[in-house]
Amino acid sequence: MTAPLEVEIRGLILDPVSNTPIVILKKPDENLFLPIWIGVFEANAIALQLEGVETPRPMTHDLLRGVVGALGAQVEAIVVHSLVENTFHAKVLLRSSQGGLVEVDARPSDAIALALRCHAPIRVAESVFREAHALDFREGEDQEARLREWLESLTPEQLGKYKM
């Protein structure tokens, strides 16, 4: 089995059909994008971190980061590892204070929000890119227009493939 690929967050967009937020992950040095539909609250948590906005009180993912740190652990990485029954699955890899690695099941949106706060790598299994039919943009294409066209062409059955 190949190691998961490190990805970057390309951005957050709103699905024009369902008005649901989508986080777009991208393979560096390639034009391959993975859209993951997420909840509004998780999108807000991700957006705040991407924009560098400080909140007056800790939000849920800030609290989780604090708990992990208080226990002497650190978030080593998060991995979107599978697409099961049309739902993306992720795990948070925690390095304990004793050096052991602990895997914690998570929704991709929560894992991504936590990774951003902990400056941890975001990774995706290569099989997820294949199974999810990630978008492949060619050099010079209008990526935003192509993404919008792709989103608007999805049928309700295809939308079911990308559950939160």
C-alpha atoms as a PDB file:
ATOM      1  CA  MET A   1       0.000   0.000   0.000  1.00  0.00           C
ATOM      2  CA  THR A   2       1.348   3.429  -0.925  1.00  0.00           C
ATOM      3  CA  ALA A   3       1.770   6.195   1.615  1.00  0.00           C
ATOM      4  CA  PRO A   4      -0.943   8.856   1.705  1.00  0.00           C
ATOM      5  CA  LEU A   5      -0.162  11.965  -0.325  1.00  0.00           C
ATOM      6  CA  GLU A   6       0.236  15.318   1.362  1.00  0.00           C
ATOM      7  CA  VAL A   7      -2.294  17.824   0.029  1.00  0.00           C
ATOM      8  CA  GLU A   8      -3.006  21.497   0.420  1.00  0.00           C
ATOM      9  CA  ILE A   9      -6.279  23.283   0.909  1.00  0.00           C
ATOM     10  CA  ARG A  10      -7.086  25.077  -2.327  1.00  0.00           C
ATOM     11  CA  GLY A  11     -10.079  26.810  -0.816  1.00  0.00           C
ATOM     12  CA  LEU A  12     -13.658  26.681   0.320  1.00  0.00           C
ATOM     13  CA  ILE A  13     -16.537  27.132  -2.090  1.00  0.00           C
ATOM     14  CA  LEU A  14     -20.299  26.900  -1.912  1.00  0.00           C
ATOM     15  CA  ASP A  15     -22.030  24.246  -3.989  1.00  0.00           C
ATOM     16  CA  PRO A  16     -24.319  26.322  -6.245  1.00  0.00           C
ATOM     17  CA  VAL A  17     -26.907  23.540  -6.333  1.00  0.00           C
ATOM     18  CA  SER A  18     -27.231  22.611  -2.645  1.00  0.00           C
ATOM     19  CA  ASN A  19     -25.634  25.686  -1.002  1.00  0.00           C
ATOM     20  CA  THR A  20     -23.421  23.280   0.942  1.00  0.00           C
ATOM     21  CA  PRO A  21     -19.801  24.234   1.665  1.00  0.00           C
ATOM     22  CA  ILE A  22     -17.092  22.246  -0.091  1.00  0.00           C
ATOM     23  CA  VAL A  23     -13.454  22.124   0.947  1.00  0.00           C
ATOM     24  CA  ILE A  24     -11.186  21.643  -2.058  1.00  0.00           C
ATOM     25  CA  LEU A  25      -7.988  19.657  -1.482  1.00  0.00           C
ATOM     26  CA  LYS A  26      -5.239  19.682  -4.103  1.00  0.00           C
ATOM     27  CA  LYS A  27      -2.263  17.487  -4.810  1.00  0.00           C
ATOM     28  CA  PRO A  28       0.777  19.794  -4.924  1.00  0.00           C
ATOM     29  CA  ASP A  29       2.542  19.942  -8.288  1.00  0.00           C
ATOM     30  CA  GLU A  30      -0.489  18.379  -9.975  1.00  0.00           C
ATOM     31  CA  ASN A  31      -3.803  19.669 -11.205  1.00  0.00           C
ATOM     32  CA  LEU A  32      -5.801  17.069  -9.282  1.00  0.00           C
ATOM     33  CA  PHE A  33      -8.484  18.372  -6.914  1.00  0.00           C
ATOM     34  CA  LEU A  34     -10.616  16.521  -4.363  1.00  0.00           C
ATOM     35  CA  PRO A  35     -13.905  18.178  -3.337  1.00  0.00           C
ATOM     36  CA  ILE A  36     -15.322  17.172   0.054  1.00  0.00           C
ATOM     37  CA  TRP A  37     -18.754  18.455   1.040  1.00  0.00           C
ATOM     38  CA  ILE A  38     -18.723  19.631   4.674  1.00  0.00           C
ATOM     39  CA  GLY A  39     -21.018  21.235   7.220  1.00  0.00           C
ATOM     40  CA  VAL A  40     -21.443  24.973   7.671  1.00  0.00           C
ATOM     41  CA  PHE A  41     -19.895  25.061  11.159  1.00  0.00           C
ATOM     42  CA  GLU A  42     -16.835  23.093  10.062  1.00  0.00           C
ATOM     43  CA  ALA A  43     -16.467  25.317   6.989  1.00  0.00           C
ATOM     44  CA  ASN A  44     -16.544  28.333   9.293  1.00  0.00           C
ATOM     45  CA  ALA A  45     -13.866  26.791  11.539  1.00  0.00           C
ATOM     46  CA  ILE A  46     -11.654  26.091   8.521  1.00  0.00           C
ATOM     47  CA  ALA A  47     -12.246  29.548   7.004  1.00  0.00           C
ATOM     48  CA  LEU A  48     -11.400  31.342  10.253  1.00  0.00           C
ATOM     49  CA  GLN A  49      -8.096  29.508  10.440  1.00  0.00           C
ATOM     50  CA  LEU A  50      -7.268  30.015   6.750  1.00  0.00           C
ATOM     51  CA  GLU A  51      -7.917  33.746   7.153  1.00  0.00           C
ATOM     52  CA  GLY A  52      -5.938  33.967  10.411  1.00  0.00           C
ATOM     53  CA  VAL A  53      -8.931  35.262  12.375  1.00  0.00           C
ATOM     54  CA  GLU A  54      -8.516  35.193  16.156  1.00  0.00           C
ATOM     55  CA  THR A  55     -11.677  34.490  18.143  1.00  0.00           C
ATOM     56  CA  PRO A  56     -12.159  35.965  21.622  1.00  0.00           C
ATOM     57  CA  ARG A  57     -12.847  32.516  23.109  1.00  0.00           C
ATOM     58  CA  PRO A  58     -11.685  29.063  21.969  1.00  0.00           C
ATOM     59  CA  MET A  59     -13.838  27.334  19.407  1.00  0.00           C
ATOM     60  CA  THR A  60     -14.335  23.561  19.464  1.00  0.00           C
ATOM     61  CA  HIS A  61     -11.250  22.770  17.395  1.00  0.00           C
ATOM     62  CA  ASP A  62      -9.169  25.200  19.488  1.00  0.00           C
ATOM     63  CA  LEU A  63     -10.378  23.364  22.593  1.00  0.00           C
ATOM     64  CA  LEU A  64      -9.381  20.031  21.074  1.00  0.00           C
ATOM     65  CA  ARG A  65      -5.931  21.398  20.199  1.00  0.00           C
ATOM     66  CA  GLY A  66      -5.588  22.573  23.805  1.00  0.00           C
ATOM     67  CA  VAL A  67      -6.597  19.194  25.219  1.00  0.00           C
ATOM     68  CA  VAL A  68      -4.135  17.364  22.955  1.00  0.00           C
ATOM     69  CA  GLY A  69      -1.346  19.721  24.027  1.00  0.00           C
ATOM     70  CA  ALA A  70      -2.260  19.570  27.723  1.00  0.00           C
ATOM     71  CA  LEU A  71      -1.934  15.787  27.550  1.00  0.00           C
ATOM     72  CA  GLY A  72       1.565  16.161  26.134  1.00  0.00           C
ATOM     73  CA  ALA A  73       0.590  14.822  22.727  1.00  0.00           C
ATOM     74  CA  GLN A  74       0.811  16.395  19.308  1.00  0.00           C
ATOM     75  CA  VAL A  75      -1.116  16.042  16.079  1.00  0.00           C
ATOM     76  CA  GLU A  76       1.350  14.399  13.719  1.00  0.00           C
ATOM     77  CA  ALA A  77      -0.946  14.425  10.655  1.00  0.00           C
ATOM     78  CA  ILE A  78      -4.484  13.814   9.520  1.00  0.00           C
ATOM     79  CA  VAL A  79      -5.337  11.328   6.800  1.00  0.00           C
ATOM     80  CA  VAL A  80      -8.460  11.081   4.653  1.00  0.00           C
ATOM     81  CA  HIS A  81      -8.089   7.337   4.251  1.00  0.00           C
ATOM     82  CA  SER A  82     -11.243   5.981   2.655  1.00  0.00           C
ATOM     83  CA  LEU A  83     -14.563   6.547   0.974  1.00  0.00           C
ATOM     84  CA  VAL A  84     -17.055   4.098   2.496  1.00  0.00           C
ATOM     85  CA  GLU A  85     -20.710   3.966   1.444  1.00  0.00           C
ATOM     86  CA  ASN A  86     -20.379   7.423  -0.111  1.00  0.00           C
ATOM     87  CA  THR A  87     -18.855   8.961   3.021  1.00  0.00           C
ATOM     88  CA  PHE A  88     -15.272  10.165   3.400  1.00  0.00           C
ATOM     89  CA  HIS A  89     -13.457   8.836   6.479  1.00  0.00           C
ATOM     90  CA  ALA A  90     -10.432  10.393   8.144  1.00  0.00           C
ATOM     91  CA  LYS A  91      -8.208   9.808  11.117  1.00  0.00           C
ATOM     92  CA  VAL A  92      -6.115  12.050  13.294  1.00  0.00           C
ATOM     93  CA  LEU A  93      -2.648  10.675  14.027  1.00  0.00           C
ATOM     94  CA  LEU A  94      -1.584  11.682  17.532  1.00  0.00           C
ATOM     95  CA  ARG A  95       1.943  11.234  18.857  1.00  0.00           C
ATOM     96  CA  SER A  96       1.695  10.609  22.605  1.00  0.00           C
ATOM     97  CA  SER A  97       4.143  12.021  25.133  1.00  0.00           C
ATOM     98  CA  GLN A  98       5.606   8.491  25.416  1.00  0.00           C
ATOM     99  CA  GLY A  99       6.215   8.411  21.653  1.00  0.00           C
ATOM    100  CA  GLY A 100       3.414   6.043  20.677  1.00  0.00           C
ATOM    101  CA  LEU A 101       1.148   6.753  17.733  1.00  0.00           C
ATOM    102  CA  VAL A 102      -2.599   6.825  18.355  1.00  0.00           C
ATOM    103  CA  GLU A 103      -5.173   6.924  15.537  1.00  0.00           C
ATOM    104  CA  VAL A 104      -8.477   8.659  16.240  1.00  0.00           C
ATOM    105  CA  ASP A 105     -11.457   8.315  13.881  1.00  0.00           C
ATOM    106  CA  ALA A 106     -12.712  11.683  12.615  1.00  0.00           C
ATOM    107  CA  ARG A 107     -14.769  13.377   9.962  1.00  0.00           C
ATOM    108  CA  PRO A 108     -12.492  14.943   7.346  1.00  0.00           C
ATOM    109  CA  SER A 109     -13.846  18.420   8.096  1.00  0.00           C
ATOM    110  CA  ASP A 110     -13.035  18.194  11.813  1.00  0.00           C
ATOM    111  CA  ALA A 111      -9.653  16.620  11.115  1.00  0.00           C
ATOM    112  CA  ILE A 112      -8.789  19.389   8.630  1.00  0.00           C
ATOM    113  CA  ALA A 113      -9.864  22.133  11.057  1.00  0.00           C
ATOM    114  CA  LEU A 114      -7.679  20.557  13.759  1.00  0.00           C
ATOM    115  CA  ALA A 115      -4.710  20.067  11.408  1.00  0.00           C
ATOM    116  CA  LEU A 116      -4.807  23.746  10.459  1.00  0.00           C
ATOM    117  CA  ARG A 117      -4.710  24.777  14.117  1.00  0.00           C
ATOM    118  CA  CYS A 118      -1.855  22.377  14.901  1.00  0.00           C
ATOM    119  CA  HIS A 119       0.114  23.098  11.710  1.00  0.00           C
ATOM    120  CA  ALA A 120      -0.045  19.382  10.912  1.00  0.00           C
ATOM    121  CA  PRO A 121       0.101  17.887   7.415  1.00  0.00           C
ATOM    122  CA  ILE A 122      -3.132  16.958   5.648  1.00  0.00           C
ATOM    123  CA  ARG A 123      -2.856  13.728   3.698  1.00  0.00           C
ATOM    124  CA  VAL A 124      -5.157  11.759   1.406  1.00  0.00           C
ATOM    125  CA  ALA A 125      -4.852   8.106   0.438  1.00  0.00           C
ATOM    126  CA  GLU A 126      -4.245   7.713  -3.276  1.00  0.00           C
ATOM    127  CA  SER A 127      -7.183   5.285  -3.425  1.00  0.00           C
ATOM    128  CA  VAL A 128      -9.509   8.076  -2.248  1.00  0.00           C
ATOM    129  CA  PHE A 129      -8.476  10.248  -5.198  1.00  0.00           C
ATOM    130  CA  ARG A 130      -9.329   7.352  -7.531  1.00  0.00           C
ATOM    131  CA  GLU A 131     -12.609   6.320  -5.862  1.00  0.00           C
ATOM    132  CA  ALA A 132     -13.908   9.877  -5.559  1.00  0.00           C
ATOM    133  CA  HIS A 133     -13.135  10.667  -9.202  1.00  0.00           C
ATOM    134  CA  ALA A 134     -11.087  13.710  -8.268  1.00  0.00           C
ATOM    135  CA  LEU A 135     -11.150  16.571 -10.737  1.00  0.00           C
ATOM    136  CA  ASP A 136      -8.198  16.723 -13.098  1.00  0.00           C
ATOM    137  CA  PHE A 137      -7.551  20.222 -14.456  1.00  0.00           C
ATOM    138  CA  ARG A 138      -5.212  20.733 -17.351  1.00  0.00           C
ATOM    139  CA  GLU A 139      -2.697  23.529 -17.470  1.00  0.00           C
ATOM    140  CA  GLY A 140      -4.226  26.788 -18.671  1.00  0.00           C
ATOM    141  CA  GLU A 141      -7.830  25.779 -17.995  1.00  0.00           C
ATOM    142  CA  ASP A 142     -10.143  28.147 -16.184  1.00  0.00           C
ATOM    143  CA  GLN A 143     -10.280  26.052 -13.022  1.00  0.00           C
ATOM    144  CA  GLU A 144     -13.062  28.006 -11.346  1.00  0.00           C
ATOM    145  CA  ALA A 145     -15.337  27.796 -14.398  1.00  0.00           C
ATOM    146  CA  ARG A 146     -14.583  24.093 -14.853  1.00  0.00           C
ATOM    147  CA  LEU A 147     -15.335  23.372 -11.191  1.00  0.00           C
ATOM    148  CA  ARG A 148     -18.610  25.295 -11.326  1.00  0.00           C
ATOM    149  CA  GLU A 149     -19.599  23.464 -14.521  1.00  0.00           C
ATOM    150  CA  TRP A 150     -18.774  20.124 -12.884  1.00  0.00           C
ATOM    151  CA  LEU A 151     -20.773  20.946  -9.736  1.00  0.00           C
ATOM    152  CA  GLU A 152     -23.797  22.095 -11.709  1.00  0.00           C
ATOM    153  CA  SER A 153     -23.746  18.919 -13.798  1.00  0.00           C
ATOM    154  CA  LEU A 154     -23.969  16.582 -10.785  1.00  0.00           C
ATOM    155  CA  THR A 155     -27.154  14.562 -10.481  1.00  0.00           C
ATOM    156  CA  PRO A 156     -28.826  13.912  -7.094  1.00  0.00           C
ATOM    157  CA  GLU A 157     -27.467  10.347  -7.246  1.00  0.00           C
ATOM    158  CA  GLN A 158     -23.926  11.630  -7.735  1.00  0.00           C
ATOM    159  CA  LEU A 159     -24.342  14.165  -4.942  1.00  0.00           C
ATOM    160  CA  GLY A 160     -25.173  11.250  -2.651  1.00  0.00           C
ATOM    161  CA  LYS A 161     -21.661  10.021  -3.294  1.00  0.00           C
ATOM    162  CA  TYR A 162     -20.256  12.917  -1.295  1.00  0.00           C
ATOM    163  CA  LYS A 163     -21.999  12.790   2.052  1.00  0.00           C
ATOM    164  CA  MET A 164     -20.719  14.882   4.936  1.00  0.00           C
END
